[in-house]
């Protein structure tokens, strides 16, 4: 039997954005909204991002502007939209 990793762990090229939202909470979110969460501090947001992206720190991007967690069906970052 072949073990298969969940999609969030098998894509090392996925960019994970981290930053604070308008309420001061830390947000970590994969660029296409595949996974994400709210955190009380930066360390926990980074730890989560690294766990989910397969420990690829080069794909974790900290934003200087506010970021809101968006787990809807639209992409949270216009610049990260991919052509369909």
C-alpha atoms as a PDB file:
ATOM      1  CA  UNK A   1       0.000   0.000   0.000  1.00  0.00           C
ATOM      2  CA  UNK A   2       1.332   3.406  -0.966  1.00  0.00           C
ATOM      3  CA  UNK A   3       0.876   6.203   1.570  1.00  0.00           C
ATOM      4  CA  UNK A   4      -0.200   9.510   0.132  1.00  0.00           C
ATOM      5  CA  UNK A   5       0.321  12.836   1.911  1.00  0.00           C
ATOM      6  CA  UNK A   6      -2.526  15.344   2.073  1.00  0.00           C
ATOM      7  CA  UNK A   7      -2.410  18.003  -0.676  1.00  0.00           C
ATOM      8  CA  UNK A   8      -1.290  20.719   1.710  1.00  0.00           C
ATOM      9  CA  UNK A   9       1.871  18.787   2.598  1.00  0.00           C
ATOM     10  CA  UNK A  10       2.754  17.533  -0.855  1.00  0.00           C
ATOM     11  CA  UNK A  11       3.097  20.895  -2.610  1.00  0.00           C
ATOM     12  CA  UNK A  12       6.400  22.503  -1.596  1.00  0.00           C
ATOM     13  CA  UNK A  13       5.936  25.307  -4.118  1.00  0.00           C
ATOM     14  CA  UNK A  14       2.757  26.583  -2.439  1.00  0.00           C
ATOM     15  CA  UNK A  15       3.260  30.045  -0.991  1.00  0.00           C
ATOM     16  CA  UNK A  16       1.887  30.655   2.494  1.00  0.00           C
ATOM     17  CA  UNK A  17       1.223  34.264   3.471  1.00  0.00           C
ATOM     18  CA  UNK A  18       1.397  35.298   7.125  1.00  0.00           C
ATOM     19  CA  UNK A  19       0.559  38.635   8.718  1.00  0.00           C
ATOM     20  CA  UNK A  20      -1.816  40.383  11.086  1.00  0.00           C
ATOM     21  CA  UNK A  21      -5.484  40.982  10.420  1.00  0.00           C
ATOM     22  CA  UNK A  22      -7.471  44.102  11.335  1.00  0.00           C
ATOM     23  CA  UNK A  23      -8.061  42.738  14.856  1.00  0.00           C
ATOM     24  CA  UNK A  24      -4.373  42.116  15.539  1.00  0.00           C
ATOM     25  CA  UNK A  25      -4.564  38.331  15.182  1.00  0.00           C
ATOM     26  CA  UNK A  26      -1.954  36.491  13.175  1.00  0.00           C
ATOM     27  CA  UNK A  27      -3.154  34.852   9.961  1.00  0.00           C
ATOM     28  CA  UNK A  28      -1.494  32.127   7.909  1.00  0.00           C
ATOM     29  CA  UNK A  29      -3.068  31.307   4.551  1.00  0.00           C
ATOM     30  CA  UNK A  30      -1.955  29.349   1.507  1.00  0.00           C
ATOM     31  CA  UNK A  31      -2.072  31.516  -1.619  1.00  0.00           C
ATOM     32  CA  UNK A  32      -5.068  29.762  -3.180  1.00  0.00           C
ATOM     33  CA  UNK A  33      -6.968  29.355   0.096  1.00  0.00           C
ATOM     34  CA  UNK A  34      -6.350  25.603   0.379  1.00  0.00           C
ATOM     35  CA  UNK A  35      -5.568  25.951   4.084  1.00  0.00           C
ATOM     36  CA  UNK A  36      -5.140  28.639   6.684  1.00  0.00           C
ATOM     37  CA  UNK A  37      -5.826  29.664  10.244  1.00  0.00           C
ATOM     38  CA  UNK A  38      -5.819  32.334  12.949  1.00  0.00           C
ATOM     39  CA  UNK A  39      -3.091  32.452  15.605  1.00  0.00           C
ATOM     40  CA  UNK A  40      -2.350  34.416  18.763  1.00  0.00           C
ATOM     41  CA  UNK A  41       1.288  35.054  17.836  1.00  0.00           C
ATOM     42  CA  UNK A  42       3.692  35.089  14.917  1.00  0.00           C
ATOM     43  CA  UNK A  43       5.615  32.015  16.080  1.00  0.00           C
ATOM     44  CA  UNK A  44       2.500  29.845  15.953  1.00  0.00           C
ATOM     45  CA  UNK A  45       1.528  31.180  12.503  1.00  0.00           C
ATOM     46  CA  UNK A  46       5.015  30.388  11.162  1.00  0.00           C
ATOM     47  CA  UNK A  47       5.019  26.943  12.800  1.00  0.00           C
ATOM     48  CA  UNK A  48       1.676  26.128  11.176  1.00  0.00           C
ATOM     49  CA  UNK A  49       2.769  27.460   7.770  1.00  0.00           C
ATOM     50  CA  UNK A  50       5.937  25.362   7.839  1.00  0.00           C
ATOM     51  CA  UNK A  51       4.060  22.239   8.925  1.00  0.00           C
ATOM     52  CA  UNK A  52       1.500  22.620   6.161  1.00  0.00           C
ATOM     53  CA  UNK A  53       3.966  23.416   3.371  1.00  0.00           C
ATOM     54  CA  UNK A  54       6.345  20.563   4.154  1.00  0.00           C
ATOM     55  CA  UNK A  55       8.933  22.695   6.021  1.00  0.00           C
ATOM     56  CA  UNK A  56       9.871  24.983   3.135  1.00  0.00           C
ATOM     57  CA  UNK A  57      10.672  28.349   4.785  1.00  0.00           C
ATOM     58  CA  UNK A  58      11.454  29.899   1.409  1.00  0.00           C
ATOM     59  CA  UNK A  59       7.744  29.734   0.533  1.00  0.00           C
ATOM     60  CA  UNK A  60       6.501  31.525   3.674  1.00  0.00           C
ATOM     61  CA  UNK A  61       5.958  35.224   2.974  1.00  0.00           C
ATOM     62  CA  UNK A  62       5.283  37.709   5.768  1.00  0.00           C
ATOM     63  CA  UNK A  63       3.134  40.613   4.624  1.00  0.00           C
ATOM     64  CA  UNK A  64       3.517  44.143   5.957  1.00  0.00           C
ATOM     65  CA  UNK A  65      -0.113  44.994   5.167  1.00  0.00           C
ATOM     66  CA  UNK A  66      -3.204  43.543   6.836  1.00  0.00           C
ATOM     67  CA  UNK A  67      -4.344  40.110   5.730  1.00  0.00           C
ATOM     68  CA  UNK A  68      -7.771  38.635   6.423  1.00  0.00           C
ATOM     69  CA  UNK A  69      -8.405  34.900   6.581  1.00  0.00           C
ATOM     70  CA  UNK A  70     -10.573  33.942   3.620  1.00  0.00           C
ATOM     71  CA  UNK A  71     -11.556  30.299   3.349  1.00  0.00           C
ATOM     72  CA  UNK A  72     -14.235  31.020   0.712  1.00  0.00           C
ATOM     73  CA  UNK A  73     -14.202  29.947  -2.903  1.00  0.00           C
ATOM     74  CA  UNK A  74     -12.354  33.042  -4.123  1.00  0.00           C
ATOM     75  CA  UNK A  75      -8.642  33.666  -3.962  1.00  0.00           C
ATOM     76  CA  UNK A  76      -7.613  35.994  -1.121  1.00  0.00           C
ATOM     77  CA  UNK A  77      -4.860  37.804  -3.024  1.00  0.00           C
ATOM     78  CA  UNK A  78      -5.576  39.278  -6.474  1.00  0.00           C
ATOM     79  CA  UNK A  79      -1.898  39.147  -7.448  1.00  0.00           C
ATOM     80  CA  UNK A  80      -1.809  35.417  -6.713  1.00  0.00           C
ATOM     81  CA  UNK A  81      -4.711  34.536  -9.010  1.00  0.00           C
ATOM     82  CA  UNK A  82      -3.872  31.922 -11.585  1.00  0.00           C
ATOM     83  CA  UNK A  83      -5.245  31.880 -15.093  1.00  0.00           C
ATOM     84  CA  UNK A  84      -7.964  29.269 -15.393  1.00  0.00           C
END
